[in-house]
Amino acid sequence: MTAARPDRRRFAPAAARNRDPIAAVVLPRLAPGARVLEVGSGTGEHAVHLAALRPDTRWQPSDPDPACRESIAAWTAHTGLANVAPPLDLDVRTVPWPVEWADFVLCCNLIHIAPWDCTVALAAGAGRLLGAGGELLLYGPFRRGGAHTAPSNAAFDAALRREDPDWGVRDLEAVAALAEANGLSFVEAVPMPANNFCAVFRKAEPGRAESRAGA
């Protein structure tokens, strides 16, 4: 008798809580047939949830952690989704990225648990990858106007910085300036549950002006 293979799927309670609010923001922004690159896919739960809701789109998950890639692959196999590609080993700081283009780049809960140079590399990579009108969406907590948006975020930020001084909740204005330097204009910051935001940046189209973070 063949022994049962271990289930490599990982489960993140936060993913189960926030996947539907994220889907409500992300999915309407995707054109039919859009190719989505998810940076830092983690467990893979967001990838399969969103891909199942939009079977017309193509999803490319990625993560530099081999255990996370195992989980992503296991979730994809478990759901049987044909529109989710095998996960890529993608560290945003390693150039070139192992993907040539995308219509949309999604990154959830990454930039506050990574050094600032990862945010720099993410903005640069998205700027290279996206065509005119393509969007980068960052989900997570942000400071606005140099201040936290809730006491819980201030406590979370302090805990992150105790764990690693290079981590921490980022200023939306600093992220927007970085994105702008890479051809990605700030569009909007959609308030989300638990004092998070979906911050959206768009690759400039000829002759089209975009919003600014302070608008």
C-alpha atoms as a PDB file:
ATOM      1  CA  MET A   1       0.000   0.000   0.000  1.00  0.00           C
ATOM      2  CA  THR A   2       1.294   3.441  -0.908  1.00  0.00           C
ATOM      3  CA  ALA A   3       1.624   5.752   2.062  1.00  0.00           C
ATOM      4  CA  ALA A   4      -0.431   8.934   1.917  1.00  0.00           C
ATOM      5  CA  ARG A   5       1.583  11.981   1.024  1.00  0.00           C
ATOM      6  CA  PRO A   6       1.741  14.644   3.747  1.00  0.00           C
ATOM      7  CA  ASP A   7      -0.447  17.690   3.230  1.00  0.00           C
ATOM      8  CA  ARG A   8       1.968  20.554   2.554  1.00  0.00           C
ATOM      9  CA  ARG A   9      -0.714  23.237   2.728  1.00  0.00           C
ATOM     10  CA  ARG A  10      -0.155  25.998   5.256  1.00  0.00           C
ATOM     11  CA  PHE A  11      -2.988  27.956   6.817  1.00  0.00           C
ATOM     12  CA  ALA A  12      -2.878  31.626   7.867  1.00  0.00           C
ATOM     13  CA  PRO A  13      -5.852  32.781   9.973  1.00  0.00           C
ATOM     14  CA  ALA A  14      -5.406  36.334   8.687  1.00  0.00           C
ATOM     15  CA  ALA A  15      -5.769  35.142   5.091  1.00  0.00           C
ATOM     16  CA  ALA A  16      -9.151  33.609   5.875  1.00  0.00           C
ATOM     17  CA  ARG A  17     -10.274  36.880   7.475  1.00  0.00           C
ATOM     18  CA  ASN A  18      -9.097  39.319   4.831  1.00  0.00           C
ATOM     19  CA  ARG A  19      -9.391  37.401   1.565  1.00  0.00           C
ATOM     20  CA  ASP A  20     -12.934  38.563   0.743  1.00  0.00           C
ATOM     21  CA  PRO A  21     -12.303  42.280   1.451  1.00  0.00           C
ATOM     22  CA  ILE A  22      -9.145  42.060  -0.672  1.00  0.00           C
ATOM     23  CA  ALA A  23     -11.041  40.299  -3.445  1.00  0.00           C
ATOM     24  CA  ALA A  24     -13.659  43.062  -3.427  1.00  0.00           C
ATOM     25  CA  VAL A  25     -10.934  45.603  -4.239  1.00  0.00           C
ATOM     26  CA  VAL A  26      -8.700  43.536  -6.537  1.00  0.00           C
ATOM     27  CA  LEU A  27     -11.091  41.669  -8.797  1.00  0.00           C
ATOM     28  CA  PRO A  28     -12.979  44.653 -10.276  1.00  0.00           C
ATOM     29  CA  ARG A  29      -9.609  46.127 -11.301  1.00  0.00           C
ATOM     30  CA  LEU A  30      -8.676  43.114 -13.442  1.00  0.00           C
ATOM     31  CA  ALA A  31      -9.401  43.147 -17.161  1.00  0.00           C
ATOM     32  CA  PRO A  32     -10.640  39.891 -18.739  1.00  0.00           C
ATOM     33  CA  GLY A  33      -7.706  37.556 -19.247  1.00  0.00           C
ATOM     34  CA  ALA A  34      -5.390  39.604 -17.025  1.00  0.00           C
ATOM     35  CA  ARG A  35      -2.118  38.078 -15.881  1.00  0.00           C
ATOM     36  CA  VAL A  36      -1.544  38.695 -12.159  1.00  0.00           C
ATOM     37  CA  LEU A  37       1.826  38.368 -10.445  1.00  0.00           C
ATOM     38  CA  GLU A  38       1.510  37.914  -6.698  1.00  0.00           C
ATOM     39  CA  VAL A  39       4.721  38.814  -4.872  1.00  0.00           C
ATOM     40  CA  GLY A  40       5.232  37.094  -1.537  1.00  0.00           C
ATOM     41  CA  SER A  41       2.311  34.683  -1.848  1.00  0.00           C
ATOM     42  CA  GLY A  42       2.998  33.078   1.532  1.00  0.00           C
ATOM     43  CA  THR A  43       0.663  30.156   2.156  1.00  0.00           C
ATOM     44  CA  GLY A  44      -0.960  30.493  -1.282  1.00  0.00           C
ATOM     45  CA  GLU A  45      -4.457  30.948   0.123  1.00  0.00           C
ATOM     46  CA  HIS A  46      -4.984  34.344  -1.506  1.00  0.00           C
ATOM     47  CA  ALA A  47      -3.840  33.077  -4.891  1.00  0.00           C
ATOM     48  CA  VAL A  48      -6.270  30.167  -5.029  1.00  0.00           C
ATOM     49  CA  HIS A  49      -9.160  32.141  -3.556  1.00  0.00           C
ATOM     50  CA  LEU A  50      -8.851  35.009  -6.023  1.00  0.00           C
ATOM     51  CA  ALA A  51      -8.086  32.768  -8.992  1.00  0.00           C
ATOM     52  CA  ALA A  52     -11.164  30.658  -8.265  1.00  0.00           C
ATOM     53  CA  LEU A  53     -13.327  33.782  -8.328  1.00  0.00           C
ATOM     54  CA  ARG A  54     -11.871  34.891 -11.666  1.00  0.00           C
ATOM     55  CA  PRO A  55     -11.175  31.777 -13.768  1.00  0.00           C
ATOM     56  CA  ASP A  56     -10.686  33.989 -16.842  1.00  0.00           C
ATOM     57  CA  THR A  57      -7.480  35.430 -15.365  1.00  0.00           C
ATOM     58  CA  ARG A  58      -4.017  33.900 -15.032  1.00  0.00           C
ATOM     59  CA  TRP A  59      -2.302  33.876 -11.640  1.00  0.00           C
ATOM     60  CA  GLN A  60       1.425  33.660 -11.061  1.00  0.00           C
ATOM     61  CA  PRO A  61       2.207  33.190  -7.364  1.00  0.00           C
ATOM     62  CA  SER A  62       5.742  33.582  -6.030  1.00  0.00           C
ATOM     63  CA  ASP A  63       7.734  33.395  -2.822  1.00  0.00           C
ATOM     64  CA  PRO A  64      11.443  33.125  -1.962  1.00  0.00           C
ATOM     65  CA  ASP A  65      10.718  30.598   0.835  1.00  0.00           C
ATOM     66  CA  PRO A  66      10.780  26.958  -0.359  1.00  0.00           C
ATOM     67  CA  ALA A  67       8.269  25.914   2.329  1.00  0.00           C
ATOM     68  CA  CYS A  68       5.865  28.600   1.145  1.00  0.00           C
ATOM     69  CA  ARG A  69       6.250  27.452  -2.455  1.00  0.00           C
ATOM     70  CA  GLU A  70       5.421  23.922  -1.325  1.00  0.00           C
ATOM     71  CA  SER A  71       2.274  25.233   0.353  1.00  0.00           C
ATOM     72  CA  ILE A  72       1.271  27.245  -2.730  1.00  0.00           C
ATOM     73  CA  ALA A  73       1.728  24.198  -4.960  1.00  0.00           C
ATOM     74  CA  ALA A  74      -0.252  22.047  -2.509  1.00  0.00           C
ATOM     75  CA  TRP A  75      -3.126  24.541  -2.419  1.00  0.00           C
ATOM     76  CA  THR A  76      -3.163  24.689  -6.211  1.00  0.00           C
ATOM     77  CA  ALA A  77      -3.241  20.895  -6.465  1.00  0.00           C
ATOM     78  CA  HIS A  78      -5.935  20.668  -3.788  1.00  0.00           C
ATOM     79  CA  THR A  79      -8.212  23.118  -5.597  1.00  0.00           C
ATOM     80  CA  GLY A  80      -7.440  21.802  -9.073  1.00  0.00           C
ATOM     81  CA  LEU A  81      -7.291  25.310 -10.504  1.00  0.00           C
ATOM     82  CA  ALA A  82      -5.975  25.422 -14.050  1.00  0.00           C
ATOM     83  CA  ASN A  83      -5.363  29.182 -14.046  1.00  0.00           C
ATOM     84  CA  VAL A  84      -2.727  29.167 -11.272  1.00  0.00           C
ATOM     85  CA  ALA A  85       0.857  28.629 -12.462  1.00  0.00           C
ATOM     86  CA  PRO A  86       3.509  26.826 -10.407  1.00  0.00           C
ATOM     87  CA  PRO A  87       5.005  29.216  -7.837  1.00  0.00           C
ATOM     88  CA  LEU A  88       8.166  31.084  -8.758  1.00  0.00           C
ATOM     89  CA  ASP A  89      11.214  31.541  -6.561  1.00  0.00           C
ATOM     90  CA  LEU A  90      11.172  35.336  -6.564  1.00  0.00           C
ATOM     91  CA  ASP A  91      13.199  37.544  -4.247  1.00  0.00           C
ATOM     92  CA  VAL A  92      12.361  41.117  -5.262  1.00  0.00           C
ATOM     93  CA  ARG A  93      15.993  42.149  -4.727  1.00  0.00           C
ATOM     94  CA  THR A  94      17.313  39.653  -7.267  1.00  0.00           C
ATOM     95  CA  VAL A  95      17.362  41.010 -10.819  1.00  0.00           C
ATOM     96  CA  PRO A  96      16.125  39.998 -13.298  1.00  0.00           C
ATOM     97  CA  TRP A  97      12.865  38.677 -11.929  1.00  0.00           C
ATOM     98  CA  PRO A  98      11.859  35.247 -13.292  1.00  0.00           C
ATOM     99  CA  VAL A  99       8.801  36.680 -15.064  1.00  0.00           C
ATOM    100  CA  GLU A 100       8.737  38.964 -18.087  1.00  0.00           C
ATOM    101  CA  TRP A 101       5.457  40.856 -17.747  1.00  0.00           C
ATOM    102  CA  ALA A 102       2.195  41.198 -15.835  1.00  0.00           C
ATOM    103  CA  ASP A 103      -0.961  43.258 -16.093  1.00  0.00           C
ATOM    104  CA  PHE A 104      -1.312  43.526 -12.313  1.00  0.00           C
ATOM    105  CA  VAL A 105       1.073  43.036  -9.388  1.00  0.00           C
ATOM    106  CA  LEU A 106      -0.397  42.108  -5.999  1.00  0.00           C
ATOM    107  CA  CYS A 107       1.595  42.146  -2.769  1.00  0.00           C
ATOM    108  CA  CYS A 108      -0.085  41.494   0.582  1.00  0.00           C
ATOM    109  CA  ASN A 109       1.465  41.980   4.026  1.00  0.00           C
ATOM    110  CA  LEU A 110       5.063  42.151   2.886  1.00  0.00           C
ATOM    111  CA  ILE A 111       6.661  45.572   3.025  1.00  0.00           C
ATOM    112  CA  HIS A 112       6.273  46.014   6.796  1.00  0.00           C
ATOM    113  CA  ILE A 113       7.969  42.662   7.540  1.00  0.00           C
ATOM    114  CA  ALA A 114      10.915  43.219   5.221  1.00  0.00           C
ATOM    115  CA  PRO A 115      13.749  45.766   5.045  1.00  0.00           C
ATOM    116  CA  TRP A 116      13.078  49.005   3.187  1.00  0.00           C
ATOM    117  CA  ASP A 117      15.330  47.868   0.318  1.00  0.00           C
ATOM    118  CA  CYS A 118      12.683  45.245  -0.469  1.00  0.00           C
ATOM    119  CA  THR A 119      10.112  48.007  -0.990  1.00  0.00           C
ATOM    120  CA  VAL A 120      12.636  49.812  -3.199  1.00  0.00           C
ATOM    121  CA  ALA A 121      13.179  46.649  -5.245  1.00  0.00           C
ATOM    122  CA  LEU A 122       9.453  45.889  -5.419  1.00  0.00           C
ATOM    123  CA  ALA A 123       8.647  49.336  -6.829  1.00  0.00           C
ATOM    124  CA  ALA A 124      11.470  49.077  -9.355  1.00  0.00           C
ATOM    125  CA  GLY A 125      10.438  45.584 -10.440  1.00  0.00           C
ATOM    126  CA  ALA A 126       6.779  46.508 -10.816  1.00  0.00           C
ATOM    127  CA  GLY A 127       7.793  49.568 -12.800  1.00  0.00           C
ATOM    128  CA  ARG A 128       9.750  47.356 -15.211  1.00  0.00           C
ATOM    129  CA  LEU A 129       7.133  44.649 -15.446  1.00  0.00           C
ATOM    130  CA  LEU A 130       3.892  46.551 -15.912  1.00  0.00           C
ATOM    131  CA  GLY A 131       2.738  48.079 -19.166  1.00  0.00           C
ATOM    132  CA  ALA A 132       0.863  51.357 -19.453  1.00  0.00           C
ATOM    133  CA  GLY A 133      -2.242  51.228 -17.268  1.00  0.00           C
ATOM    134  CA  GLY A 134      -0.992  48.223 -15.285  1.00  0.00           C
ATOM    135  CA  GLU A 135      -1.390  48.423 -11.519  1.00  0.00           C
ATOM    136  CA  LEU A 136       0.506  47.552  -8.348  1.00  0.00           C
ATOM    137  CA  LEU A 137      -1.625  46.937  -5.262  1.00  0.00           C
ATOM    138  CA  LEU A 138      -0.075  46.791  -1.793  1.00  0.00           C
ATOM    139  CA  TYR A 139      -2.214  45.506   1.065  1.00  0.00           C
ATOM    140  CA  GLY A 140      -1.321  46.127   4.687  1.00  0.00           C
ATOM    141  CA  PRO A 141      -0.986  48.817   7.360  1.00  0.00           C
ATOM    142  CA  PHE A 142       0.400  52.258   6.495  1.00  0.00           C
ATOM    143  CA  ARG A 143       1.166  55.458   8.327  1.00  0.00           C
ATOM    144  CA  ARG A 144      -0.409  58.540   6.758  1.00  0.00           C
ATOM    145  CA  GLY A 145       0.933  62.037   7.162  1.00  0.00           C
ATOM    146  CA  GLY A 146       3.672  60.622   9.391  1.00  0.00           C
ATOM    147  CA  ALA A 147       1.178  59.229  11.917  1.00  0.00           C
ATOM    148  CA  HIS A 148      -0.347  55.845  12.613  1.00  0.00           C
ATOM    149  CA  THR A 149      -4.010  55.472  11.721  1.00  0.00           C
ATOM    150  CA  ALA A 150      -4.879  53.578  14.922  1.00  0.00           C
ATOM    151  CA  PRO A 151      -3.278  52.816  18.324  1.00  0.00           C
ATOM    152  CA  SER A 152      -3.208  49.122  17.411  1.00  0.00           C
ATOM    153  CA  ASN A 153      -1.034  49.930  14.395  1.00  0.00           C
ATOM    154  CA  ALA A 154       1.367  51.907  16.572  1.00  0.00           C
ATOM    155  CA  ALA A 155       1.687  48.920  18.919  1.00  0.00           C
ATOM    156  CA  PHE A 156       2.139  46.573  15.961  1.00  0.00           C
ATOM    157  CA  ASP A 157       4.841  48.836  14.518  1.00  0.00           C
ATOM    158  CA  ALA A 158       6.721  48.892  17.830  1.00  0.00           C
ATOM    159  CA  ALA A 159       6.559  45.093  18.050  1.00  0.00           C
ATOM    160  CA  LEU A 160       7.876  44.728  14.512  1.00  0.00           C
ATOM    161  CA  ARG A 161      10.809  47.063  15.183  1.00  0.00           C
ATOM    162  CA  ARG A 162      11.683  45.186  18.378  1.00  0.00           C
ATOM    163  CA  GLU A 163      11.841  41.986  16.340  1.00  0.00           C
ATOM    164  CA  ASP A 164      13.905  43.582  13.575  1.00  0.00           C
ATOM    165  CA  PRO A 165      14.894  47.274  13.444  1.00  0.00           C
ATOM    166  CA  ASP A 166      14.672  47.178   9.635  1.00  0.00           C
ATOM    167  CA  TRP A 167      10.969  46.246   9.741  1.00  0.00           C
ATOM    168  CA  GLY A 168       8.038  48.513  10.460  1.00  0.00           C
ATOM    169  CA  VAL A 169       4.824  50.079   9.195  1.00  0.00           C
ATOM    170  CA  ARG A 170       5.723  52.309   6.232  1.00  0.00           C
ATOM    171  CA  ASP A 171       4.677  55.864   5.440  1.00  0.00           C
ATOM    172  CA  LEU A 172       2.276  55.819   2.509  1.00  0.00           C
ATOM    173  CA  GLU A 173       3.743  59.087   1.230  1.00  0.00           C
ATOM    174  CA  ALA A 174       7.255  57.603   1.153  1.00  0.00           C
ATOM    175  CA  VAL A 175       6.007  54.533  -0.685  1.00  0.00           C
ATOM    176  CA  ALA A 176       4.099  56.723  -3.148  1.00  0.00           C
ATOM    177  CA  ALA A 177       7.207  58.826  -3.827  1.00  0.00           C
ATOM    178  CA  LEU A 178       9.206  55.680  -4.439  1.00  0.00           C
ATOM    179  CA  ALA A 179       6.546  54.324  -6.783  1.00  0.00           C
ATOM    180  CA  GLU A 180       6.407  57.656  -8.631  1.00  0.00           C
ATOM    181  CA  ALA A 181      10.167  57.481  -9.217  1.00  0.00           C
ATOM    182  CA  ASN A 182       9.536  54.178 -11.006  1.00  0.00           C
ATOM    183  CA  GLY A 183       6.714  55.422 -13.216  1.00  0.00           C
ATOM    184  CA  LEU A 184       3.873  54.319 -10.923  1.00  0.00           C
ATOM    185  CA  SER A 185       1.486  57.061  -9.847  1.00  0.00           C
ATOM    186  CA  PHE A 186      -0.585  56.813  -6.677  1.00  0.00           C
ATOM    187  CA  VAL A 187      -4.267  56.216  -7.444  1.00  0.00           C
ATOM    188  CA  GLU A 188      -6.004  55.607  -4.118  1.00  0.00           C
ATOM    189  CA  ALA A 189      -5.758  54.015  -0.675  1.00  0.00           C
ATOM    190  CA  VAL A 190      -8.877  51.971   0.008  1.00  0.00           C
ATOM    191  CA  PRO A 191      -9.625  51.571   3.747  1.00  0.00           C
ATOM    192  CA  MET A 192      -9.821  47.933   4.791  1.00  0.00           C
ATOM    193  CA  PRO A 193     -10.796  46.084   7.977  1.00  0.00           C
ATOM    194  CA  ALA A 194      -8.399  46.037  10.949  1.00  0.00           C
ATOM    195  CA  ASN A 195      -6.914  49.449  10.036  1.00  0.00           C
ATOM    196  CA  ASN A 196      -5.288  48.247   6.824  1.00  0.00           C
ATOM    197  CA  PHE A 197      -5.359  49.734   3.325  1.00  0.00           C
ATOM    198  CA  CYS A 198      -5.167  48.628  -0.267  1.00  0.00           C
ATOM    199  CA  ALA A 199      -2.772  51.171  -1.795  1.00  0.00           C
ATOM    200  CA  VAL A 200      -3.049  51.257  -5.587  1.00  0.00           C
ATOM    201  CA  PHE A 201      -0.414  52.577  -7.997  1.00  0.00           C
ATOM    202  CA  ARG A 202      -0.756  52.743 -11.783  1.00  0.00           C
ATOM    203  CA  LYS A 203       1.829  52.732 -14.563  1.00  0.00           C
ATOM    204  CA  ALA A 204       1.489  55.998 -16.384  1.00  0.00           C
ATOM    205  CA  GLU A 205      -0.341  56.134 -19.689  1.00  0.00           C
ATOM    206  CA  PRO A 206       0.658  58.761 -22.260  1.00  0.00           C
ATOM    207  CA  GLY A 207      -1.134  62.048 -21.660  1.00  0.00           C
ATOM    208  CA  ARG A 208      -2.910  60.853 -18.511  1.00  0.00           C
ATOM    209  CA  ALA A 209      -2.439  62.511 -15.134  1.00  0.00           C
ATOM    210  CA  GLU A 210      -2.844  60.516 -11.926  1.00  0.00           C
ATOM    211  CA  SER A 211      -3.728  61.369  -8.329  1.00  0.00           C
ATOM    212  CA  ARG A 212      -1.154  61.964  -5.600  1.00  0.00           C
ATOM    213  CA  ALA A 213      -0.888  60.426  -2.135  1.00  0.00           C
ATOM    214  CA  GLY A 214      -1.640  63.725  -0.463  1.00  0.00           C
ATOM    215  CA  ALA A 215      -4.695  64.469  -2.605  1.00  0.00           C
END
